[in-house]
Amino acid sequence: MKISHELPMGLLYMDSQINNYSYCLPHLLDRNEEYKNHFLKAKEEGRYVIMDNSLHELGEAYDTKRLLHWVHELEPDEFIVSDVWQNKAHTLRNAKHWNSIKLPKKTTKVAVVQANSYCEAMECYHILKEHLGYQKIAFSYGADWYVDEFPHPNPLVGKMMGRIITISKLYKAKVISDGDRVHLLGCALPQEFGYYADMPFIESIDTSNPVIHGLAGIKYEEYGLLDKLPHKVDKFGGDSDNWEIVLYNVNKFKEFIPKK
């Protein structure tokens, strides 16, 4: 699995040192010159770049015109097309729209599964793959309905296990096959990723979890965490004096990733 941990503005210089690829939030390209220059440099240096649509940070996907501008400017290796939180119908409508838009030749379009139940998720994945022809599909981490798949007193455990169960059931049902390409957006708890050892289709993940908790002075336990800070990386600075804890968390995170 390729891993990227999003970094606060002041720590962008560590991107190539701790990440397998660079993960770009497009709304920050318009808001911060340093951030924009970082990704323009990443392009010049030939870094692998996945560009998000900033739904998680903004509550809705970023402005379509600006997304198109930055996709053509940066030519990312992958672009996560606009989706609508927990809304299958609108997400599929957006995916169909983006499917007709011409992007740079090197850019792979990635669609996101959005749903309100397992059955909706199965249908969404099937349509994105079989009818719309998306070569790579992503699953978000925080869907409320995941806890229906794994009820637990700790909702973070429920969401973590709910995504694992959802993907496992889709794989068993052959909706997901070994040759598919799947991206995991974020995490409820970092220890989740050890459960994907026998799923060769999990290609990449992104999460700022080890960085945000490290900068807040929270060190991963041997098992990971059972709680999560609510901060989003685009609005979080943290304490640079805790950089050693960040590095510890990043290295500990790698231990959760299955070795293939």
C-alpha atoms as a PDB file:
ATOM      1  CA  MET A   1       0.000   0.000   0.000  1.00  0.00           C
ATOM      2  CA  LYS A   2       1.196   3.488  -0.825  1.00  0.00           C
ATOM      3  CA  ILE A   3       0.793   5.791   2.173  1.00  0.00           C
ATOM      4  CA  SER A   4       0.524   9.560   2.481  1.00  0.00           C
ATOM      5  CA  HIS A   5       0.119  11.515   5.706  1.00  0.00           C
ATOM      6  CA  GLU A   6      -1.127  15.044   5.036  1.00  0.00           C
ATOM      7  CA  LEU A   7       0.996  17.692   6.728  1.00  0.00           C
ATOM      8  CA  PRO A   8       0.206  21.131   8.183  1.00  0.00           C
ATOM      9  CA  MET A   9       1.588  24.068   6.241  1.00  0.00           C
ATOM     10  CA  GLY A  10       4.737  24.496   8.299  1.00  0.00           C
ATOM     11  CA  LEU A  11       5.792  20.878   7.839  1.00  0.00           C
ATOM     12  CA  LEU A  12       5.300  20.463   4.091  1.00  0.00           C
ATOM     13  CA  TYR A  13       9.055  20.180   3.642  1.00  0.00           C
ATOM     14  CA  MET A  14       8.828  16.713   5.261  1.00  0.00           C
ATOM     15  CA  ASP A  15       6.440  15.430   2.584  1.00  0.00           C
ATOM     16  CA  SER A  16       8.938  13.524   0.457  1.00  0.00           C
ATOM     17  CA  GLN A  17      10.697  12.178   3.563  1.00  0.00           C
ATOM     18  CA  ILE A  18       7.755  10.437   5.226  1.00  0.00           C
ATOM     19  CA  ASN A  19       5.280   9.844   2.369  1.00  0.00           C
ATOM     20  CA  ASN A  20       5.157   7.476  -0.604  1.00  0.00           C
ATOM     21  CA  TYR A  21       3.245  10.111  -2.574  1.00  0.00           C
ATOM     22  CA  SER A  22       1.936  13.671  -2.138  1.00  0.00           C
ATOM     23  CA  TYR A  23      -1.734  14.206  -1.271  1.00  0.00           C
ATOM     24  CA  CYS A  24      -3.160  17.538  -2.408  1.00  0.00           C
ATOM     25  CA  LEU A  25      -6.172  19.449  -1.033  1.00  0.00           C
ATOM     26  CA  PRO A  26      -7.198  21.753  -3.913  1.00  0.00           C
ATOM     27  CA  HIS A  27      -8.898  24.490  -1.866  1.00  0.00           C
ATOM     28  CA  LEU A  28      -5.543  25.208  -0.214  1.00  0.00           C
ATOM     29  CA  LEU A  29      -3.931  25.790  -3.603  1.00  0.00           C
ATOM     30  CA  ASP A  30      -6.094  28.906  -3.914  1.00  0.00           C
ATOM     31  CA  ARG A  31      -5.688  30.014  -0.317  1.00  0.00           C
ATOM     32  CA  ASN A  32      -1.997  29.599   0.409  1.00  0.00           C
ATOM     33  CA  GLU A  33       0.970  30.499  -1.776  1.00  0.00           C
ATOM     34  CA  GLU A  34       3.351  28.208   0.103  1.00  0.00           C
ATOM     35  CA  TYR A  35       1.024  25.254  -0.380  1.00  0.00           C
ATOM     36  CA  LYS A  36       0.595  26.009  -4.085  1.00  0.00           C
ATOM     37  CA  ASN A  37       4.352  26.298  -4.615  1.00  0.00           C
ATOM     38  CA  HIS A  38       4.927  23.018  -2.780  1.00  0.00           C
ATOM     39  CA  PHE A  39       2.748  21.111  -5.232  1.00  0.00           C
ATOM     40  CA  LEU A  40       4.031  22.946  -8.281  1.00  0.00           C
ATOM     41  CA  LYS A  41       7.501  21.845  -7.170  1.00  0.00           C
ATOM     42  CA  ALA A  42       6.241  18.298  -6.601  1.00  0.00           C
ATOM     43  CA  LYS A  43       5.035  18.288 -10.205  1.00  0.00           C
ATOM     44  CA  GLU A  44       8.402  19.562 -11.476  1.00  0.00           C
ATOM     45  CA  GLU A  45      10.212  16.858  -9.508  1.00  0.00           C
ATOM     46  CA  GLY A  46       7.967  14.118 -10.848  1.00  0.00           C
ATOM     47  CA  ARG A  47       6.426  13.228  -7.496  1.00  0.00           C
ATOM     48  CA  TYR A  48       3.366  10.977  -7.589  1.00  0.00           C
ATOM     49  CA  VAL A  49       0.389  13.190  -6.652  1.00  0.00           C
ATOM     50  CA  ILE A  50      -3.183  12.337  -5.711  1.00  0.00           C
ATOM     51  CA  MET A  51      -5.501  15.346  -5.703  1.00  0.00           C
ATOM     52  CA  ASP A  52      -8.598  15.269  -3.506  1.00  0.00           C
ATOM     53  CA  ASN A  53     -11.779  17.331  -4.005  1.00  0.00           C
ATOM     54  CA  SER A  54     -11.708  18.724  -0.401  1.00  0.00           C
ATOM     55  CA  LEU A  55     -15.132  17.344   0.585  1.00  0.00           C
ATOM     56  CA  HIS A  56     -13.900  16.262   4.023  1.00  0.00           C
ATOM     57  CA  GLU A  57     -12.446  19.672   4.811  1.00  0.00           C
ATOM     58  CA  LEU A  58     -15.215  21.858   3.339  1.00  0.00           C
ATOM     59  CA  GLY A  59     -18.324  19.729   3.842  1.00  0.00           C
ATOM     60  CA  GLU A  60     -18.870  19.705   0.083  1.00  0.00           C
ATOM     61  CA  ALA A  61     -16.628  19.221  -2.919  1.00  0.00           C
ATOM     62  CA  TYR A  62     -14.610  22.253  -3.988  1.00  0.00           C
ATOM     63  CA  ASP A  63     -15.796  24.520  -6.812  1.00  0.00           C
ATOM     64  CA  THR A  64     -15.845  22.591 -10.095  1.00  0.00           C
ATOM     65  CA  LYS A  65     -14.152  25.334 -12.142  1.00  0.00           C
ATOM     66  CA  ARG A  66     -11.294  25.574  -9.662  1.00  0.00           C
ATOM     67  CA  LEU A  67     -10.957  21.790  -9.534  1.00  0.00           C
ATOM     68  CA  LEU A  68     -10.658  21.712 -13.311  1.00  0.00           C
ATOM     69  CA  HIS A  69      -8.140  24.541 -13.238  1.00  0.00           C
ATOM     70  CA  TRP A  70      -5.871  22.756 -10.795  1.00  0.00           C
ATOM     71  CA  VAL A  71      -6.196  19.350 -12.428  1.00  0.00           C
ATOM     72  CA  HIS A  72      -4.930  20.863 -15.690  1.00  0.00           C
ATOM     73  CA  GLU A  73      -2.298  22.946 -13.907  1.00  0.00           C
ATOM     74  CA  LEU A  74      -0.856  20.153 -11.744  1.00  0.00           C
ATOM     75  CA  GLU A  75      -1.727  17.123 -13.874  1.00  0.00           C
ATOM     76  CA  PRO A  76      -1.953  14.866 -10.800  1.00  0.00           C
ATOM     77  CA  ASP A  77      -1.520  11.139 -11.249  1.00  0.00           C
ATOM     78  CA  GLU A  78      -4.943  10.636  -9.681  1.00  0.00           C
ATOM     79  CA  PHE A  79      -7.894  12.948  -9.088  1.00  0.00           C
ATOM     80  CA  ILE A  80     -10.776  12.125  -6.738  1.00  0.00           C
ATOM     81  CA  VAL A  81     -13.862  13.384  -8.540  1.00  0.00           C
ATOM     82  CA  SER A  82     -16.575  15.308  -6.695  1.00  0.00           C
ATOM     83  CA  ASP A  83     -18.794  13.218  -4.431  1.00  0.00           C
ATOM     84  CA  VAL A  84     -21.644  14.067  -2.031  1.00  0.00           C
ATOM     85  CA  TRP A  85     -21.432  12.886   1.565  1.00  0.00           C
ATOM     86  CA  GLN A  86     -23.562   9.769   2.194  1.00  0.00           C
ATOM     87  CA  ASN A  87     -25.662  10.457  -0.892  1.00  0.00           C
ATOM     88  CA  LYS A  88     -25.477   7.664  -3.456  1.00  0.00           C
ATOM     89  CA  ALA A  89     -27.706   9.240  -6.116  1.00  0.00           C
ATOM     90  CA  HIS A  90     -25.943  12.614  -6.213  1.00  0.00           C
ATOM     91  CA  THR A  91     -22.523  10.969  -6.050  1.00  0.00           C
ATOM     92  CA  LEU A  92     -23.321   8.755  -9.031  1.00  0.00           C
ATOM     93  CA  ARG A  93     -24.683  11.760 -10.911  1.00  0.00           C
ATOM     94  CA  ASN A  94     -21.422  13.621 -10.263  1.00  0.00           C
ATOM     95  CA  ALA A  95     -19.365  10.583 -11.231  1.00  0.00           C
ATOM     96  CA  LYS A  96     -21.246  10.319 -14.517  1.00  0.00           C
ATOM     97  CA  HIS A  97     -20.679  14.026 -15.180  1.00  0.00           C
ATOM     98  CA  TRP A  98     -16.941  13.835 -14.457  1.00  0.00           C
ATOM     99  CA  ASN A  99     -16.704  10.720 -16.586  1.00  0.00           C
ATOM    100  CA  SER A 100     -17.485  12.870 -19.632  1.00  0.00           C
ATOM    101  CA  ILE A 101     -14.905  15.561 -18.802  1.00  0.00           C
ATOM    102  CA  LYS A 102     -11.545  15.297 -20.507  1.00  0.00           C
ATOM    103  CA  LEU A 103      -8.614  15.463 -18.083  1.00  0.00           C
ATOM    104  CA  PRO A 104      -4.851  15.270 -18.669  1.00  0.00           C
ATOM    105  CA  LYS A 105      -3.840  11.933 -20.169  1.00  0.00           C
ATOM    106  CA  LYS A 106      -1.741  10.931 -17.156  1.00  0.00           C
ATOM    107  CA  THR A 107      -4.541  11.588 -14.637  1.00  0.00           C
ATOM    108  CA  THR A 108      -6.633   8.648 -13.420  1.00  0.00           C
ATOM    109  CA  LYS A 109     -10.122   9.576 -12.235  1.00  0.00           C
ATOM    110  CA  VAL A 110     -11.018   8.099  -8.850  1.00  0.00           C
ATOM    111  CA  ALA A 111     -14.640   7.867  -7.689  1.00  0.00           C
ATOM    112  CA  VAL A 112     -15.848   7.553  -4.081  1.00  0.00           C
ATOM    113  CA  VAL A 113     -18.463   5.160  -2.736  1.00  0.00           C
ATOM    114  CA  GLN A 114     -21.157   7.129  -0.917  1.00  0.00           C
ATOM    115  CA  ALA A 115     -24.180   5.459   0.639  1.00  0.00           C
ATOM    116  CA  ASN A 116     -26.495   5.165   3.623  1.00  0.00           C
ATOM    117  CA  SER A 117     -26.322   1.373   3.960  1.00  0.00           C
ATOM    118  CA  TYR A 118     -24.300  -1.630   2.899  1.00  0.00           C
ATOM    119  CA  CYS A 119     -26.754  -2.392   0.087  1.00  0.00           C
ATOM    120  CA  GLU A 120     -26.405   1.144  -1.268  1.00  0.00           C
ATOM    121  CA  ALA A 121     -22.610   0.883  -1.027  1.00  0.00           C
ATOM    122  CA  MET A 122     -22.650  -2.368  -2.988  1.00  0.00           C
ATOM    123  CA  GLU A 123     -24.828  -0.825  -5.682  1.00  0.00           C
ATOM    124  CA  CYS A 124     -22.711   2.340  -5.804  1.00  0.00           C
ATOM    125  CA  TYR A 125     -19.461   0.395  -6.203  1.00  0.00           C
ATOM    126  CA  HIS A 126     -20.975  -1.837  -8.883  1.00  0.00           C
ATOM    127  CA  ILE A 127     -22.236   1.118 -10.933  1.00  0.00           C
ATOM    128  CA  LEU A 128     -18.994   3.073 -10.612  1.00  0.00           C
ATOM    129  CA  LYS A 129     -16.974   0.072 -11.748  1.00  0.00           C
ATOM    130  CA  GLU A 130     -19.171  -1.775 -14.228  1.00  0.00           C
ATOM    131  CA  HIS A 131     -21.335   0.959 -15.750  1.00  0.00           C
ATOM    132  CA  LEU A 132     -19.204   4.102 -15.464  1.00  0.00           C
ATOM    133  CA  GLY A 133     -15.864   2.343 -15.908  1.00  0.00           C
ATOM    134  CA  TYR A 134     -13.896   3.898 -13.049  1.00  0.00           C
ATOM    135  CA  GLN A 135     -10.497   2.245 -12.761  1.00  0.00           C
ATOM    136  CA  LYS A 136     -10.019   3.171  -9.109  1.00  0.00           C
ATOM    137  CA  ILE A 137     -12.608   3.604  -6.346  1.00  0.00           C
ATOM    138  CA  ALA A 138     -12.282   5.026  -2.837  1.00  0.00           C
ATOM    139  CA  PHE A 139     -14.019   4.372   0.479  1.00  0.00           C
ATOM    140  CA  SER A 140     -14.327   7.133   3.095  1.00  0.00           C
ATOM    141  CA  TYR A 141     -13.704   6.324   6.752  1.00  0.00           C
ATOM    142  CA  GLY A 142     -16.460   8.108   8.667  1.00  0.00           C
ATOM    143  CA  ALA A 143     -19.782   6.974   7.228  1.00  0.00           C
ATOM    144  CA  ASP A 144     -22.448   6.878   9.935  1.00  0.00           C
ATOM    145  CA  TRP A 145     -23.928   3.624   8.632  1.00  0.00           C
ATOM    146  CA  TYR A 146     -20.669   1.731   9.237  1.00  0.00           C
ATOM    147  CA  VAL A 147     -21.734   1.393  12.886  1.00  0.00           C
ATOM    148  CA  ASP A 148     -24.806  -0.540  11.706  1.00  0.00           C
ATOM    149  CA  GLU A 149     -22.403  -3.135  10.323  1.00  0.00           C
ATOM    150  CA  PHE A 150     -20.488  -3.292  13.609  1.00  0.00           C
ATOM    151  CA  PRO A 151     -22.391  -1.846  16.589  1.00  0.00           C
ATOM    152  CA  HIS A 152     -19.969  -0.962  19.380  1.00  0.00           C
ATOM    153  CA  PRO A 153     -20.052   1.306  22.461  1.00  0.00           C
ATOM    154  CA  ASN A 154     -17.091   3.185  20.980  1.00  0.00           C
ATOM    155  CA  PRO A 155     -18.353   4.660  17.660  1.00  0.00           C
ATOM    156  CA  LEU A 156     -14.784   4.954  16.355  1.00  0.00           C
ATOM    157  CA  VAL A 157     -14.332   1.202  16.751  1.00  0.00           C
ATOM    158  CA  GLY A 158     -17.708   0.766  15.054  1.00  0.00           C
ATOM    159  CA  LYS A 159     -16.695   2.897  12.085  1.00  0.00           C
ATOM    160  CA  MET A 160     -13.281   1.247  11.815  1.00  0.00           C
ATOM    161  CA  MET A 161     -14.716  -2.264  11.855  1.00  0.00           C
ATOM    162  CA  GLY A 162     -17.705  -1.192   9.748  1.00  0.00           C
ATOM    163  CA  ARG A 163     -15.478  -0.219   6.828  1.00  0.00           C
ATOM    164  CA  ILE A 164     -13.470  -3.428   7.206  1.00  0.00           C
ATOM    165  CA  ILE A 165     -16.657  -5.514   7.189  1.00  0.00           C
ATOM    166  CA  THR A 166     -18.135  -3.585   4.247  1.00  0.00           C
ATOM    167  CA  ILE A 167     -15.070  -4.091   2.072  1.00  0.00           C
ATOM    168  CA  SER A 168     -14.759  -7.732   3.200  1.00  0.00           C
ATOM    169  CA  LYS A 169     -18.374  -8.481   2.268  1.00  0.00           C
ATOM    170  CA  LEU A 170     -17.976  -6.800  -1.121  1.00  0.00           C
ATOM    171  CA  TYR A 171     -14.863  -8.892  -1.742  1.00  0.00           C
ATOM    172  CA  LYS A 172     -16.568 -12.124  -0.691  1.00  0.00           C
ATOM    173  CA  ALA A 173     -19.521 -11.283  -2.951  1.00  0.00           C
ATOM    174  CA  LYS A 174     -17.042 -10.734  -5.818  1.00  0.00           C
ATOM    175  CA  VAL A 175     -18.232  -7.161  -6.270  1.00  0.00           C
ATOM    176  CA  ILE A 176     -14.601  -6.267  -5.554  1.00  0.00           C
ATOM    177  CA  SER A 177     -12.053  -8.489  -7.286  1.00  0.00           C
ATOM    178  CA  ASP A 178      -8.321  -8.998  -6.807  1.00  0.00           C
ATOM    179  CA  GLY A 179      -7.574  -6.868  -9.851  1.00  0.00           C
ATOM    180  CA  ASP A 180      -9.501  -3.832  -8.620  1.00  0.00           C
ATOM    181  CA  ARG A 181      -7.788  -0.680  -7.365  1.00  0.00           C
ATOM    182  CA  VAL A 182      -9.071   0.751  -4.072  1.00  0.00           C
ATOM    183  CA  HIS A 183      -8.076   3.850  -2.116  1.00  0.00           C
ATOM    184  CA  LEU A 184      -8.904   4.314   1.578  1.00  0.00           C
ATOM    185  CA  LEU A 185      -9.721   7.883   2.588  1.00  0.00           C
ATOM    186  CA  GLY A 186      -8.624   8.617   6.154  1.00  0.00           C
ATOM    187  CA  CYS A 187      -9.234   6.448   9.179  1.00  0.00           C
ATOM    188  CA  ALA A 188     -11.284   6.359  12.358  1.00  0.00           C
ATOM    189  CA  LEU A 189      -8.458   4.533  14.161  1.00  0.00           C
ATOM    190  CA  PRO A 190      -4.980   3.779  12.762  1.00  0.00           C
ATOM    191  CA  GLN A 191      -4.890   0.078  13.624  1.00  0.00           C
ATOM    192  CA  GLU A 192      -7.578  -0.579  10.981  1.00  0.00           C
ATOM    193  CA  PHE A 193      -5.129  -1.173   8.164  1.00  0.00           C
ATOM    194  CA  GLY A 194      -3.673  -4.379   9.566  1.00  0.00           C
ATOM    195  CA  TYR A 195      -6.939  -6.102   8.647  1.00  0.00           C
ATOM    196  CA  TYR A 196      -6.356  -5.696   4.906  1.00  0.00           C
ATOM    197  CA  ALA A 197      -3.454  -8.167   4.703  1.00  0.00           C
ATOM    198  CA  ASP A 198      -5.243 -10.537   2.335  1.00  0.00           C
ATOM    199  CA  MET A 199      -6.822  -7.878   0.135  1.00  0.00           C
ATOM    200  CA  PRO A 200      -4.432  -7.208  -2.775  1.00  0.00           C
ATOM    201  CA  PHE A 201      -6.731  -4.576  -4.286  1.00  0.00           C
ATOM    202  CA  ILE A 202      -6.050  -2.037  -1.497  1.00  0.00           C
ATOM    203  CA  GLU A 203      -3.604   0.161  -3.404  1.00  0.00           C
ATOM    204  CA  SER A 204      -3.280   3.414  -1.430  1.00  0.00           C
ATOM    205  CA  ILE A 205      -4.344   5.176   1.745  1.00  0.00           C
ATOM    206  CA  ASP A 206      -4.162   8.710   3.033  1.00  0.00           C
ATOM    207  CA  THR A 207      -4.529   9.861   6.629  1.00  0.00           C
ATOM    208  CA  SER A 208      -3.145  12.705   8.720  1.00  0.00           C
ATOM    209  CA  ASN A 209      -3.846  10.696  11.899  1.00  0.00           C
ATOM    210  CA  PRO A 210      -0.253  10.016  13.032  1.00  0.00           C
ATOM    211  CA  VAL A 211       0.783  13.598  12.299  1.00  0.00           C
ATOM    212  CA  ILE A 212      -2.105  15.394  14.004  1.00  0.00           C
ATOM    213  CA  HIS A 213      -1.935  13.238  17.111  1.00  0.00           C
ATOM    214  CA  GLY A 214       1.838  13.489  17.236  1.00  0.00           C
ATOM    215  CA  LEU A 215       1.814  17.283  16.993  1.00  0.00           C
ATOM    216  CA  ALA A 216      -0.753  17.288  19.828  1.00  0.00           C
ATOM    217  CA  GLY A 217       1.667  15.259  21.939  1.00  0.00           C
ATOM    218  CA  ILE A 218      -0.338  12.033  21.712  1.00  0.00           C
ATOM    219  CA  LYS A 219       1.829   8.970  21.188  1.00  0.00           C
ATOM    220  CA  TYR A 220       0.391   5.821  19.641  1.00  0.00           C
ATOM    221  CA  GLU A 221      -0.075   2.884  21.996  1.00  0.00           C
ATOM    222  CA  GLU A 222       1.164  -0.528  20.903  1.00  0.00           C
ATOM    223  CA  TYR A 223      -2.333  -1.317  19.631  1.00  0.00           C
ATOM    224  CA  GLY A 224      -2.924   2.138  18.099  1.00  0.00           C
ATOM    225  CA  LEU A 225      -5.612   4.451  19.534  1.00  0.00           C
ATOM    226  CA  LEU A 226      -9.148   4.252  20.903  1.00  0.00           C
ATOM    227  CA  ASP A 227      -9.921   7.956  20.533  1.00  0.00           C
ATOM    228  CA  LYS A 228      -9.446  10.565  17.844  1.00  0.00           C
ATOM    229  CA  LEU A 229      -8.865  14.311  17.774  1.00  0.00           C
ATOM    230  CA  PRO A 230     -11.461  16.217  15.712  1.00  0.00           C
ATOM    231  CA  HIS A 231      -8.885  18.494  14.029  1.00  0.00           C
ATOM    232  CA  LYS A 232      -8.570  18.686  10.247  1.00  0.00           C
ATOM    233  CA  VAL A 233      -5.106  19.092   8.820  1.00  0.00           C
ATOM    234  CA  ASP A 234      -5.898  22.267   6.854  1.00  0.00           C
ATOM    235  CA  LYS A 235      -6.716  24.124  10.099  1.00  0.00           C
ATOM    236  CA  PHE A 236      -4.235  22.500  12.479  1.00  0.00           C
ATOM    237  CA  GLY A 237      -0.798  23.711  13.439  1.00  0.00           C
ATOM    238  CA  GLY A 238       0.109  21.723  16.535  1.00  0.00           C
ATOM    239  CA  ASP A 239       3.392  21.991  18.370  1.00  0.00           C
ATOM    240  CA  SER A 240       6.559  21.510  16.323  1.00  0.00           C
ATOM    241  CA  ASP A 241       8.356  20.565  19.551  1.00  0.00           C
ATOM    242  CA  ASN A 242       6.471  17.263  19.325  1.00  0.00           C
ATOM    243  CA  TRP A 243       8.040  16.307  15.998  1.00  0.00           C
ATOM    244  CA  GLU A 244       9.729  13.267  17.574  1.00  0.00           C
ATOM    245  CA  ILE A 245       6.289  11.958  18.563  1.00  0.00           C
ATOM    246  CA  VAL A 246       5.100  12.535  14.992  1.00  0.00           C
ATOM    247  CA  LEU A 247       7.975  10.433  13.659  1.00  0.00           C
ATOM    248  CA  TYR A 248       7.271   7.737  16.257  1.00  0.00           C
ATOM    249  CA  ASN A 249       3.607   7.641  15.202  1.00  0.00           C
ATOM    250  CA  VAL A 250       4.477   7.557  11.500  1.00  0.00           C
ATOM    251  CA  ASN A 251       6.833   4.613  12.046  1.00  0.00           C
ATOM    252  CA  LYS A 252       4.335   2.888  14.331  1.00  0.00           C
ATOM    253  CA  PHE A 253       1.667   3.353  11.653  1.00  0.00           C
ATOM    254  CA  LYS A 254       3.868   1.459   9.207  1.00  0.00           C
ATOM    255  CA  GLU A 255       3.776  -1.516  11.562  1.00  0.00           C
ATOM    256  CA  PHE A 256       0.009  -1.680  11.146  1.00  0.00           C
ATOM    257  CA  ILE A 257       0.355  -1.976   7.370  1.00  0.00           C
ATOM    258  CA  PRO A 258       0.404  -5.620   6.221  1.00  0.00           C
ATOM    259  CA  LYS A 259       3.562  -6.805   4.512  1.00  0.00           C
ATOM    260  CA  LYS A 260       2.854  -8.434   1.160  1.00  0.00           C
END
